[in-house]
Amino acid sequence: MARQRRILAPGERFAAPAAAGALAMLRPMSPQTAAGAVEPDPAGLALADAVSRLRRAMRRAARAYGPGGALPGGLSVAQLEFLSCLAENPAARPGQVARLLRLAPSSVATLVNGLARAALVVRTGGVADRRTAVLDLTTAGHAVVADWQQVNSRILAAALTALPAASKRTLVSSLPALRELTGAVDALADDVQPDAQAAPAGPASATG
């Protein structure tokens, strides 16, 4: 009997059964380990290249759609991603957003300060310690996120009209697999511990 693939709903998290093995592929390797490592999957390399090109094309088209070549709200991609994350996680603390986006706390503080000055984010509490503050989008912040989503939707809708019917059917049929892939990549990021991202160098050898 053929094994049925479970389709994830939009926004559902993926529990990777082989997360430990997948994470091992992301760890820095010593020259000795790298020499015996398996070559990357060509299909994975091709998919990574396609995703990277699509991301660049989407950003380029978004700037072309915007007034004066600007993205919605005149913001950077990092700022738009921050607002989108906060829209999905209302009333989050700065530390939570930092973990979700894999950003340094100082980078989150810089983003929050700039977006608060632009009246797109409101910070509640945390007078004595800003790490305990709660972050939320303002009405203007929600409007920017909605605009960003609409711009992306219009770009893809316009691009799809230029594709042959067979290509459109292929893309639609691949949506469940793309959602699973997105969940698997998110799971990898969630499972990486902060101390594994940049292990300190050990003491120099005293031999010789």
N, C-alpha and C. Protein backbone atom coordinates (compact mmCIF):
# COMPACT_ATOMS: atom_id res chain seq x y z
N MET A 1 0.85 -1.20 0.00
CA MET A 1 0.00 0.00 0.00
C MET A 1 0.88 1.24 0.00
N ALA A 2 0.52 2.20 -0.81
CA ALA A 2 1.31 3.42 -0.89
C ALA A 2 1.13 4.24 0.38
N ARG A 3 2.22 4.78 0.85
CA ARG A 3 2.18 5.59 2.06
C ARG A 3 1.56 6.93 1.78
N GLN A 4 0.54 7.30 2.60
CA GLN A 4 -0.14 8.57 2.39
C GLN A 4 0.63 9.71 3.03
N ARG A 5 0.72 10.80 2.33
CA ARG A 5 1.40 11.98 2.85
C ARG A 5 0.41 12.87 3.56
N ARG A 6 0.72 13.22 4.79
CA ARG A 6 -0.15 14.13 5.54
C ARG A 6 0.12 15.55 5.10
N ILE A 7 -0.95 16.26 4.72
CA ILE A 7 -0.83 17.64 4.25
C ILE A 7 -0.99 18.60 5.41
N LEU A 8 -0.04 19.50 5.56
CA LEU A 8 -0.10 20.49 6.64
C LEU A 8 -1.01 21.64 6.25
N ALA A 9 -1.78 22.12 7.21
CA ALA A 9 -2.58 23.31 6.98
C ALA A 9 -1.67 24.52 7.04
N PRO A 10 -2.07 25.63 6.37
CA PRO A 10 -1.24 26.85 6.42
C PRO A 10 -0.97 27.27 7.86
N GLY A 11 0.30 27.51 8.19
CA GLY A 11 0.68 27.94 9.52
C GLY A 11 0.96 26.81 10.49
N GLU A 12 0.63 25.55 10.09
CA GLU A 12 0.88 24.42 10.99
C GLU A 12 2.35 24.09 11.02
N ARG A 13 2.85 23.72 12.17
CA ARG A 13 4.26 23.41 12.34
C ARG A 13 4.54 21.98 11.92
N PHE A 14 5.73 21.73 11.45
CA PHE A 14 6.15 20.42 10.99
C PHE A 14 7.07 19.79 12.04
N ALA A 15 6.74 18.58 12.46
CA ALA A 15 7.57 17.87 13.41
C ALA A 15 8.48 16.94 12.64
N ALA A 16 9.72 17.34 12.47
CA ALA A 16 10.63 16.56 11.64
C ALA A 16 11.06 15.31 12.37
N PRO A 17 10.77 14.10 11.84
CA PRO A 17 11.14 12.88 12.53
C PRO A 17 12.63 12.64 12.53
N ALA A 18 13.32 13.17 11.53
CA ALA A 18 14.76 12.95 11.44
C ALA A 18 15.50 14.25 11.68
N ALA A 19 15.00 15.05 12.65
CA ALA A 19 15.59 16.36 12.88
C ALA A 19 17.05 16.28 13.30
N ALA A 20 17.37 15.26 14.11
CA ALA A 20 18.75 15.15 14.57
C ALA A 20 19.70 14.93 13.41
N GLY A 21 19.31 14.04 12.48
CA GLY A 21 20.16 13.80 11.33
C GLY A 21 20.23 15.00 10.40
N ALA A 22 19.09 15.68 10.24
CA ALA A 22 19.08 16.85 9.37
C ALA A 22 19.91 17.97 9.96
N LEU A 23 19.82 18.15 11.29
CA LEU A 23 20.61 19.19 11.94
C LEU A 23 22.09 18.90 11.84
N ALA A 24 22.45 17.62 11.87
CA ALA A 24 23.87 17.28 11.77
C ALA A 24 24.45 17.75 10.45
N MET A 25 23.62 17.81 9.40
CA MET A 25 24.09 18.26 8.10
C MET A 25 24.43 19.75 8.11
N LEU A 26 23.83 20.48 9.08
CA LEU A 26 24.05 21.93 9.13
C LEU A 26 25.24 22.30 9.99
N ARG A 27 25.74 21.37 10.80
CA ARG A 27 26.83 21.68 11.69
C ARG A 27 28.12 21.92 10.93
N PRO A 28 28.96 22.85 11.38
CA PRO A 28 30.27 23.02 10.76
C PRO A 28 31.07 21.73 10.88
N MET A 29 31.79 21.36 9.80
CA MET A 29 32.54 20.12 9.79
C MET A 29 34.03 20.39 9.78
N SER A 30 34.77 19.51 10.43
CA SER A 30 36.21 19.60 10.38
C SER A 30 36.67 19.16 8.99
N PRO A 31 37.89 19.52 8.58
CA PRO A 31 38.38 19.08 7.27
C PRO A 31 38.34 17.57 7.10
N GLN A 32 38.62 16.82 8.20
CA GLN A 32 38.60 15.37 8.11
C GLN A 32 37.19 14.86 7.85
N THR A 33 36.20 15.45 8.55
CA THR A 33 34.82 15.03 8.36
C THR A 33 34.32 15.42 6.98
N ALA A 34 34.68 16.64 6.56
CA ALA A 34 34.21 17.13 5.27
C ALA A 34 34.73 16.27 4.12
N ALA A 35 35.94 15.72 4.29
CA ALA A 35 36.53 14.93 3.21
C ALA A 35 35.71 13.68 2.94
N GLY A 36 35.07 13.14 3.98
CA GLY A 36 34.29 11.92 3.79
C GLY A 36 32.79 12.18 3.73
N ALA A 37 32.39 13.43 3.67
CA ALA A 37 30.96 13.76 3.67
C ALA A 37 30.33 13.44 2.32
N VAL A 38 29.03 13.16 2.37
CA VAL A 38 28.28 12.89 1.14
C VAL A 38 28.05 14.20 0.41
N GLU A 39 28.15 14.15 -0.91
CA GLU A 39 27.93 15.35 -1.70
C GLU A 39 26.48 15.83 -1.56
N PRO A 40 26.24 17.14 -1.60
CA PRO A 40 24.87 17.66 -1.49
C PRO A 40 23.99 17.10 -2.61
N ASP A 41 22.72 16.92 -2.28
CA ASP A 41 21.76 16.42 -3.26
C ASP A 41 21.58 17.45 -4.37
N PRO A 42 21.79 17.09 -5.64
CA PRO A 42 21.61 18.05 -6.74
C PRO A 42 20.21 18.65 -6.76
N ALA A 43 19.21 17.84 -6.41
CA ALA A 43 17.83 18.35 -6.39
C ALA A 43 17.68 19.44 -5.34
N GLY A 44 18.35 19.24 -4.18
CA GLY A 44 18.29 20.25 -3.13
C GLY A 44 18.97 21.53 -3.54
N LEU A 45 20.10 21.42 -4.23
CA LEU A 45 20.80 22.60 -4.72
C LEU A 45 19.96 23.35 -5.74
N ALA A 46 19.30 22.61 -6.63
CA ALA A 46 18.47 23.24 -7.65
C ALA A 46 17.28 23.95 -7.01
N LEU A 47 16.68 23.32 -5.99
CA LEU A 47 15.55 23.92 -5.30
C LEU A 47 15.98 25.17 -4.55
N ALA A 48 17.14 25.11 -3.88
CA ALA A 48 17.65 26.28 -3.16
C ALA A 48 17.90 27.44 -4.11
N ASP A 49 18.43 27.14 -5.29
CA ASP A 49 18.68 28.18 -6.28
C ASP A 49 17.37 28.79 -6.76
N ALA A 50 16.35 27.94 -7.00
CA ALA A 50 15.06 28.44 -7.47
C ALA A 50 14.39 29.32 -6.42
N VAL A 51 14.45 28.89 -5.15
CA VAL A 51 13.85 29.68 -4.08
C VAL A 51 14.57 31.02 -3.93
N SER A 52 15.90 30.99 -3.99
CA SER A 52 16.67 32.23 -3.88
C SER A 52 16.33 33.20 -5.01
N ARG A 53 16.23 32.67 -6.22
CA ARG A 53 15.89 33.52 -7.36
C ARG A 53 14.48 34.08 -7.24
N LEU A 54 13.55 33.26 -6.74
CA LEU A 54 12.18 33.73 -6.57
C LEU A 54 12.11 34.84 -5.53
N ARG A 55 12.85 34.68 -4.43
CA ARG A 55 12.87 35.72 -3.40
C ARG A 55 13.39 37.05 -3.96
N ARG A 56 14.48 36.97 -4.74
CA ARG A 56 15.04 38.20 -5.32
C ARG A 56 14.07 38.82 -6.32
N ALA A 57 13.43 37.97 -7.12
CA ALA A 57 12.49 38.48 -8.11
C ALA A 57 11.29 39.13 -7.44
N MET A 58 10.80 38.53 -6.34
CA MET A 58 9.66 39.10 -5.62
C MET A 58 10.02 40.46 -5.03
N ARG A 59 11.21 40.58 -4.46
CA ARG A 59 11.61 41.86 -3.88
C ARG A 59 11.77 42.91 -4.98
N ARG A 60 12.35 42.52 -6.09
CA ARG A 60 12.55 43.46 -7.21
C ARG A 60 11.20 43.93 -7.75
N ALA A 61 10.26 43.00 -7.90
CA ALA A 61 8.94 43.37 -8.40
C ALA A 61 8.19 44.23 -7.39
N ALA A 62 8.36 43.93 -6.09
CA ALA A 62 7.70 44.73 -5.06
C ALA A 62 8.19 46.17 -5.10
N ARG A 63 9.49 46.35 -5.32
CA ARG A 63 10.02 47.72 -5.42
C ARG A 63 9.50 48.41 -6.67
N ALA A 64 9.35 47.64 -7.75
CA ALA A 64 8.83 48.23 -8.99
C ALA A 64 7.38 48.67 -8.81
N TYR A 65 6.63 47.93 -8.00
CA TYR A 65 5.22 48.28 -7.75
C TYR A 65 5.11 49.49 -6.83
N GLY A 66 6.09 49.67 -5.96
CA GLY A 66 6.00 50.72 -4.96
C GLY A 66 6.32 52.09 -5.51
N PRO A 67 5.81 53.13 -4.85
CA PRO A 67 6.10 54.50 -5.28
C PRO A 67 7.58 54.82 -5.13
N GLY A 68 8.19 55.27 -6.21
CA GLY A 68 9.60 55.61 -6.15
C GLY A 68 10.51 54.43 -5.92
N GLY A 69 10.03 53.23 -6.24
CA GLY A 69 10.84 52.03 -6.06
C GLY A 69 10.98 51.59 -4.62
N ALA A 70 10.07 52.04 -3.75
CA ALA A 70 10.15 51.71 -2.33
C ALA A 70 9.20 50.56 -2.00
N LEU A 71 9.54 49.82 -0.97
CA LEU A 71 8.66 48.78 -0.46
C LEU A 71 7.56 49.43 0.39
N PRO A 72 6.48 48.71 0.73
CA PRO A 72 5.40 49.29 1.51
C PRO A 72 5.90 50.00 2.76
N GLY A 73 5.39 51.21 2.98
CA GLY A 73 5.78 51.99 4.14
C GLY A 73 7.17 52.58 4.04
N GLY A 74 7.83 52.38 2.88
CA GLY A 74 9.21 52.83 2.75
C GLY A 74 10.16 52.06 3.65
N LEU A 75 9.77 50.83 4.02
CA LEU A 75 10.55 50.04 4.96
C LEU A 75 11.50 49.09 4.26
N SER A 76 12.43 48.55 5.03
CA SER A 76 13.34 47.53 4.51
C SER A 76 12.67 46.16 4.60
N VAL A 77 13.25 45.17 3.94
CA VAL A 77 12.72 43.81 4.03
C VAL A 77 12.78 43.32 5.47
N ALA A 78 13.86 43.63 6.17
CA ALA A 78 13.99 43.20 7.57
C ALA A 78 12.87 43.79 8.43
N GLN A 79 12.53 45.05 8.20
CA GLN A 79 11.46 45.68 8.97
C GLN A 79 10.11 45.06 8.64
N LEU A 80 9.88 44.76 7.35
CA LEU A 80 8.62 44.14 6.95
C LEU A 80 8.49 42.72 7.51
N GLU A 81 9.60 41.99 7.53
CA GLU A 81 9.58 40.65 8.11
C GLU A 81 9.31 40.73 9.61
N PHE A 82 9.86 41.74 10.27
CA PHE A 82 9.63 41.92 11.70
C PHE A 82 8.15 42.19 11.96
N LEU A 83 7.56 43.11 11.18
CA LEU A 83 6.13 43.43 11.35
C LEU A 83 5.27 42.21 11.06
N SER A 84 5.62 41.45 10.03
CA SER A 84 4.84 40.25 9.69
C SER A 84 4.91 39.22 10.81
N CYS A 85 6.09 39.08 11.42
CA CYS A 85 6.25 38.15 12.54
C CYS A 85 5.39 38.59 13.71
N LEU A 86 5.36 39.89 13.98
CA LEU A 86 4.57 40.41 15.10
C LEU A 86 3.07 40.27 14.81
N ALA A 87 2.69 40.36 13.53
CA ALA A 87 1.28 40.16 13.18
C ALA A 87 0.84 38.73 13.46
N GLU A 88 1.77 37.77 13.27
CA GLU A 88 1.48 36.37 13.53
C GLU A 88 1.62 36.02 15.00
N ASN A 89 2.33 36.86 15.76
CA ASN A 89 2.59 36.59 17.18
C ASN A 89 2.32 37.85 18.00
N PRO A 90 1.07 38.27 18.10
CA PRO A 90 0.77 39.50 18.85
C PRO A 90 1.14 39.37 20.32
N ALA A 91 1.43 40.51 20.91
CA ALA A 91 1.78 40.59 22.34
C ALA A 91 3.02 39.76 22.66
N ALA A 92 3.95 39.70 21.72
CA ALA A 92 5.20 38.95 21.95
C ALA A 92 6.21 39.85 22.68
N ARG A 93 7.09 39.22 23.42
CA ARG A 93 8.18 39.94 24.06
C ARG A 93 9.36 40.02 23.08
N PRO A 94 10.22 41.02 23.25
CA PRO A 94 11.37 41.16 22.34
C PRO A 94 12.19 39.88 22.22
N GLY A 95 12.38 39.18 23.34
CA GLY A 95 13.17 37.95 23.30
C GLY A 95 12.50 36.88 22.46
N GLN A 96 11.17 36.83 22.50
CA GLN A 96 10.44 35.85 21.70
C GLN A 96 10.61 36.13 20.21
N VAL A 97 10.50 37.40 19.84
CA VAL A 97 10.67 37.77 18.44
C VAL A 97 12.10 37.48 17.98
N ALA A 98 13.05 37.74 18.86
CA ALA A 98 14.45 37.46 18.53
C ALA A 98 14.65 35.98 18.22
N ARG A 99 14.01 35.11 19.02
CA ARG A 99 14.14 33.67 18.78
C ARG A 99 13.42 33.26 17.50
N LEU A 100 12.26 33.82 17.25
CA LEU A 100 11.48 33.46 16.06
C LEU A 100 12.21 33.84 14.78
N LEU A 101 12.85 35.02 14.79
CA LEU A 101 13.53 35.51 13.60
C LEU A 101 15.02 35.20 13.60
N ARG A 102 15.50 34.57 14.69
CA ARG A 102 16.92 34.26 14.81
C ARG A 102 17.77 35.52 14.68
N LEU A 103 17.39 36.54 15.46
CA LEU A 103 18.12 37.80 15.46
C LEU A 103 18.75 38.03 16.82
N ALA A 104 19.82 38.79 16.83
CA ALA A 104 20.43 39.16 18.09
C ALA A 104 19.51 40.15 18.82
N PRO A 105 19.48 40.11 20.16
CA PRO A 105 18.64 41.05 20.92
C PRO A 105 18.91 42.50 20.55
N SER A 106 20.17 42.84 20.27
CA SER A 106 20.48 44.22 19.91
C SER A 106 19.84 44.59 18.57
N SER A 107 19.77 43.64 17.64
CA SER A 107 19.13 43.91 16.35
C SER A 107 17.63 44.11 16.52
N VAL A 108 17.03 43.31 17.40
CA VAL A 108 15.60 43.47 17.67
C VAL A 108 15.34 44.82 18.31
N ALA A 109 16.20 45.23 19.24
CA ALA A 109 16.03 46.54 19.89
C ALA A 109 16.09 47.66 18.86
N THR A 110 17.03 47.56 17.92
CA THR A 110 17.14 48.59 16.87
C THR A 110 15.89 48.63 16.02
N LEU A 111 15.37 47.45 15.63
CA LEU A 111 14.15 47.40 14.81
C LEU A 111 12.96 47.97 15.57
N VAL A 112 12.83 47.59 16.84
CA VAL A 112 11.70 48.06 17.64
C VAL A 112 11.75 49.58 17.79
N ASN A 113 12.91 50.12 18.08
CA ASN A 113 13.03 51.57 18.26
C ASN A 113 12.64 52.31 16.99
N GLY A 114 13.13 51.83 15.84
CA GLY A 114 12.81 52.50 14.59
C GLY A 114 11.34 52.40 14.23
N LEU A 115 10.76 51.21 14.41
CA LEU A 115 9.35 51.02 14.08
C LEU A 115 8.43 51.72 15.07
N ALA A 116 8.88 51.85 16.32
CA ALA A 116 8.09 52.60 17.31
C ALA A 116 8.08 54.08 16.97
N ARG A 117 9.24 54.58 16.53
CA ARG A 117 9.29 56.00 16.13
C ARG A 117 8.39 56.25 14.92
N ALA A 118 8.25 55.25 14.06
CA ALA A 118 7.38 55.38 12.88
C ALA A 118 5.93 55.10 13.22
N ALA A 119 5.63 54.87 14.49
CA ALA A 119 4.25 54.61 14.96
C ALA A 119 3.67 53.36 14.33
N LEU A 120 4.52 52.35 14.06
CA LEU A 120 4.05 51.08 13.51
C LEU A 120 4.01 49.99 14.58
N VAL A 121 4.77 50.18 15.64
CA VAL A 121 4.82 49.22 16.74
C VAL A 121 4.63 49.98 18.04
N VAL A 122 3.88 49.39 18.96
CA VAL A 122 3.71 49.98 20.28
C VAL A 122 4.30 49.04 21.31
N ARG A 123 5.01 49.61 22.27
CA ARG A 123 5.66 48.84 23.32
C ARG A 123 4.97 49.15 24.63
N THR A 124 4.49 48.06 25.30
CA THR A 124 3.76 48.23 26.55
C THR A 124 4.54 47.61 27.70
N GLY A 125 4.66 48.34 28.81
CA GLY A 125 5.36 47.83 29.97
C GLY A 125 6.86 47.88 29.77
N GLY A 126 7.58 47.16 30.60
CA GLY A 126 9.03 47.09 30.49
C GLY A 126 9.73 48.39 30.81
N VAL A 127 9.17 49.17 31.72
CA VAL A 127 9.79 50.45 32.07
C VAL A 127 11.15 50.22 32.73
N ALA A 128 11.19 49.29 33.66
CA ALA A 128 12.45 49.00 34.35
C ALA A 128 13.37 48.12 33.51
N ASP A 129 12.78 47.22 32.74
CA ASP A 129 13.56 46.29 31.92
C ASP A 129 12.83 46.11 30.60
N ARG A 130 13.40 46.64 29.51
CA ARG A 130 12.72 46.59 28.22
C ARG A 130 12.54 45.18 27.70
N ARG A 131 13.31 44.23 28.23
CA ARG A 131 13.16 42.85 27.79
C ARG A 131 11.81 42.27 28.21
N THR A 132 11.17 42.87 29.21
CA THR A 132 9.89 42.38 29.69
C THR A 132 8.72 43.10 29.02
N ALA A 133 9.01 44.00 28.09
CA ALA A 133 7.96 44.74 27.40
C ALA A 133 7.17 43.80 26.48
N VAL A 134 5.97 44.21 26.15
CA VAL A 134 5.12 43.48 25.21
C VAL A 134 4.98 44.32 23.95
N LEU A 135 5.16 43.68 22.80
CA LEU A 135 5.12 44.38 21.52
C LEU A 135 3.84 44.06 20.76
N ASP A 136 3.29 45.08 20.14
CA ASP A 136 2.09 44.90 19.31
C ASP A 136 2.16 45.87 18.14
N LEU A 137 1.43 45.51 17.08
CA LEU A 137 1.33 46.42 15.94
C LEU A 137 0.29 47.49 16.22
N THR A 138 0.54 48.66 15.74
CA THR A 138 -0.48 49.71 15.77
C THR A 138 -1.40 49.51 14.56
N THR A 139 -2.43 50.33 14.46
CA THR A 139 -3.32 50.25 13.29
C THR A 139 -2.53 50.49 12.01
N ALA A 140 -1.60 51.43 12.06
CA ALA A 140 -0.77 51.71 10.88
C ALA A 140 0.15 50.52 10.58
N GLY A 141 0.63 49.84 11.63
CA GLY A 141 1.48 48.67 11.42
C GLY A 141 0.72 47.55 10.74
N HIS A 142 -0.51 47.31 11.19
CA HIS A 142 -1.35 46.29 10.54
C HIS A 142 -1.60 46.65 9.08
N ALA A 143 -1.78 47.94 8.80
CA ALA A 143 -2.03 48.37 7.42
C ALA A 143 -0.82 48.10 6.53
N VAL A 144 0.38 48.33 7.06
CA VAL A 144 1.60 48.07 6.29
C VAL A 144 1.73 46.58 5.99
N VAL A 145 1.46 45.73 6.98
CA VAL A 145 1.54 44.28 6.76
C VAL A 145 0.53 43.84 5.71
N ALA A 146 -0.69 44.37 5.81
CA ALA A 146 -1.71 44.02 4.82
C ALA A 146 -1.29 44.48 3.42
N ASP A 147 -0.70 45.66 3.34
CA ASP A 147 -0.23 46.18 2.05
C ASP A 147 0.87 45.29 1.48
N TRP A 148 1.80 44.85 2.35
CA TRP A 148 2.89 43.98 1.94
C TRP A 148 2.35 42.64 1.40
N GLN A 149 1.36 42.09 2.09
CA GLN A 149 0.76 40.84 1.64
C GLN A 149 0.02 41.02 0.31
N GLN A 150 -0.67 42.15 0.16
CA GLN A 150 -1.40 42.40 -1.07
C GLN A 150 -0.46 42.61 -2.25
N VAL A 151 0.66 43.30 -2.00
CA VAL A 151 1.64 43.51 -3.07
C VAL A 151 2.18 42.17 -3.56
N ASN A 152 2.55 41.29 -2.62
CA ASN A 152 3.05 39.98 -2.99
C ASN A 152 1.99 39.16 -3.73
N SER A 153 0.75 39.27 -3.28
CA SER A 153 -0.34 38.53 -3.92
C SER A 153 -0.57 39.03 -5.35
N ARG A 154 -0.52 40.35 -5.54
CA ARG A 154 -0.74 40.90 -6.88
C ARG A 154 0.41 40.51 -7.82
N ILE A 155 1.63 40.50 -7.29
CA ILE A 155 2.79 40.13 -8.11
C ILE A 155 2.65 38.71 -8.61
N LEU A 156 2.32 37.79 -7.70
CA LEU A 156 2.20 36.39 -8.09
C LEU A 156 1.01 36.16 -9.00
N ALA A 157 -0.10 36.85 -8.73
CA ALA A 157 -1.27 36.69 -9.60
C ALA A 157 -0.95 37.16 -11.02
N ALA A 158 -0.24 38.29 -11.13
CA ALA A 158 0.12 38.80 -12.45
C ALA A 158 1.11 37.86 -13.15
N ALA A 159 2.07 37.32 -12.38
CA ALA A 159 3.06 36.42 -12.97
C ALA A 159 2.42 35.12 -13.42
N LEU A 160 1.44 34.62 -12.68
CA LEU A 160 0.80 33.36 -13.03
C LEU A 160 0.05 33.45 -14.35
N THR A 161 -0.47 34.63 -14.67
CA THR A 161 -1.20 34.78 -15.94
C THR A 161 -0.28 34.59 -17.14
N ALA A 162 1.03 34.76 -16.94
CA ALA A 162 1.98 34.62 -18.05
C ALA A 162 2.42 33.17 -18.24
N LEU A 163 2.03 32.28 -17.33
CA LEU A 163 2.46 30.89 -17.40
C LEU A 163 1.44 30.04 -18.17
N PRO A 164 1.91 29.00 -18.84
CA PRO A 164 0.98 28.08 -19.50
C PRO A 164 0.15 27.33 -18.47
N ALA A 165 -0.99 26.82 -18.88
CA ALA A 165 -1.90 26.15 -17.96
C ALA A 165 -1.25 24.98 -17.26
N ALA A 166 -0.41 24.23 -17.97
CA ALA A 166 0.25 23.06 -17.37
C ALA A 166 1.16 23.48 -16.22
N SER A 167 1.88 24.59 -16.39
CA SER A 167 2.77 25.07 -15.34
C SER A 167 1.97 25.51 -14.12
N LYS A 168 0.84 26.17 -14.35
CA LYS A 168 0.00 26.61 -13.23
C LYS A 168 -0.54 25.41 -12.46
N ARG A 169 -0.95 24.36 -13.18
CA ARG A 169 -1.45 23.16 -12.50
C ARG A 169 -0.35 22.49 -11.68
N THR A 170 0.86 22.49 -12.21
CA THR A 170 1.98 21.90 -11.49
C THR A 170 2.25 22.67 -10.20
N LEU A 171 2.22 24.00 -10.28
CA LEU A 171 2.46 24.82 -9.09
C LEU A 171 1.39 24.59 -8.03
N VAL A 172 0.14 24.54 -8.46
CA VAL A 172 -0.96 24.33 -7.51
C VAL A 172 -0.83 22.97 -6.84
N SER A 173 -0.51 21.94 -7.61
CA SER A 173 -0.40 20.60 -7.05
C SER A 173 0.79 20.47 -6.11
N SER A 174 1.78 21.35 -6.24
CA SER A 174 2.98 21.27 -5.39
C SER A 174 2.83 22.06 -4.09
N LEU A 175 1.73 22.80 -3.92
CA LEU A 175 1.55 23.62 -2.72
C LEU A 175 1.63 22.80 -1.42
N PRO A 176 0.99 21.63 -1.33
CA PRO A 176 1.13 20.85 -0.08
C PRO A 176 2.58 20.49 0.23
N ALA A 177 3.34 20.10 -0.79
CA ALA A 177 4.74 19.75 -0.56
C ALA A 177 5.55 20.97 -0.15
N LEU A 178 5.24 22.14 -0.72
CA LEU A 178 5.94 23.36 -0.35
C LEU A 178 5.63 23.75 1.09
N ARG A 179 4.38 23.54 1.53
CA ARG A 179 4.04 23.82 2.93
C ARG A 179 4.80 22.89 3.86
N GLU A 180 4.91 21.62 3.47
CA GLU A 180 5.68 20.68 4.29
C GLU A 180 7.15 21.08 4.35
N LEU A 181 7.69 21.51 3.20
CA LEU A 181 9.09 21.94 3.17
C LEU A 181 9.31 23.15 4.05
N THR A 182 8.38 24.11 4.00
CA THR A 182 8.48 25.30 4.84
C THR A 182 8.48 24.91 6.32
N GLY A 183 7.59 23.98 6.68
CA GLY A 183 7.54 23.53 8.07
C GLY A 183 8.81 22.82 8.49
N ALA A 184 9.38 22.03 7.57
CA ALA A 184 10.61 21.31 7.90
C ALA A 184 11.77 22.27 8.10
N VAL A 185 11.87 23.30 7.26
CA VAL A 185 12.94 24.29 7.41
C VAL A 185 12.75 25.06 8.72
N ASP A 186 11.50 25.42 9.04
CA ASP A 186 11.23 26.11 10.30
C ASP A 186 11.63 25.24 11.49
N ALA A 187 11.35 23.93 11.39
CA ALA A 187 11.69 23.02 12.48
C ALA A 187 13.19 22.96 12.71
N LEU A 188 13.96 23.01 11.62
CA LEU A 188 15.41 23.01 11.76
C LEU A 188 15.88 24.25 12.52
N ALA A 189 15.32 25.40 12.16
CA ALA A 189 15.71 26.64 12.84
C ALA A 189 15.31 26.61 14.31
N ASP A 190 14.15 26.01 14.61
CA ASP A 190 13.69 25.95 16.00
C ASP A 190 14.56 25.03 16.84
N ASP A 191 15.09 23.98 16.22
CA ASP A 191 15.84 22.98 16.97
C ASP A 191 17.29 23.36 17.22
N VAL A 192 17.82 24.31 16.46
CA VAL A 192 19.21 24.72 16.65
C VAL A 192 19.32 25.53 17.93
N GLN A 193 20.18 25.12 18.84
CA GLN A 193 20.37 25.84 20.09
C GLN A 193 21.31 27.03 19.86
N PRO A 194 21.11 28.13 20.60
CA PRO A 194 21.95 29.32 20.41
C PRO A 194 23.44 29.02 20.53
N ASP A 195 23.83 28.12 21.48
CA ASP A 195 25.26 27.87 21.66
C ASP A 195 25.83 27.02 20.55
N ALA A 196 24.94 26.46 19.68
CA ALA A 196 25.43 25.66 18.56
C ALA A 196 25.70 26.50 17.34
N GLN A 197 25.23 27.75 17.36
CA GLN A 197 25.40 28.61 16.20
C GLN A 197 26.83 29.12 16.09
N ALA A 198 27.47 29.36 17.19
CA ALA A 198 28.83 29.88 17.15
C ALA A 198 29.60 29.34 18.34
N ALA A 199 30.12 28.15 18.17
CA ALA A 199 30.86 27.53 19.26
C ALA A 199 32.19 28.23 19.44
N PRO A 200 32.58 28.57 20.67
CA PRO A 200 33.86 29.25 20.89
C PRO A 200 35.02 28.33 20.56
N ALA A 201 36.09 28.92 20.10
CA ALA A 201 37.27 28.13 19.76
C ALA A 201 37.91 27.60 21.03
N GLY A 202 38.40 26.37 20.95
CA GLY A 202 39.03 25.77 22.11
C GLY A 202 40.43 26.32 22.32
N PRO A 203 41.06 25.98 23.43
CA PRO A 203 42.41 26.48 23.71
C PRO A 203 43.39 25.92 22.70
N ALA A 204 44.41 26.69 22.41
CA ALA A 204 45.41 26.25 21.44
C ALA A 204 46.17 25.05 21.97
N SER A 205 46.53 24.18 21.04
CA SER A 205 47.23 22.96 21.44
C SER A 205 48.64 23.31 21.94
N ALA A 206 49.07 22.58 22.97
CA ALA A 206 50.40 22.84 23.53
C ALA A 206 51.43 21.86 23.02
N THR A 207 50.98 20.99 22.08
CA THR A 207 51.92 20.00 21.58
C THR A 207 52.89 20.64 20.62
N GLY A 208 54.05 19.96 20.45
CA GLY A 208 55.07 20.49 19.52
C GLY A 208 55.95 21.45 20.22
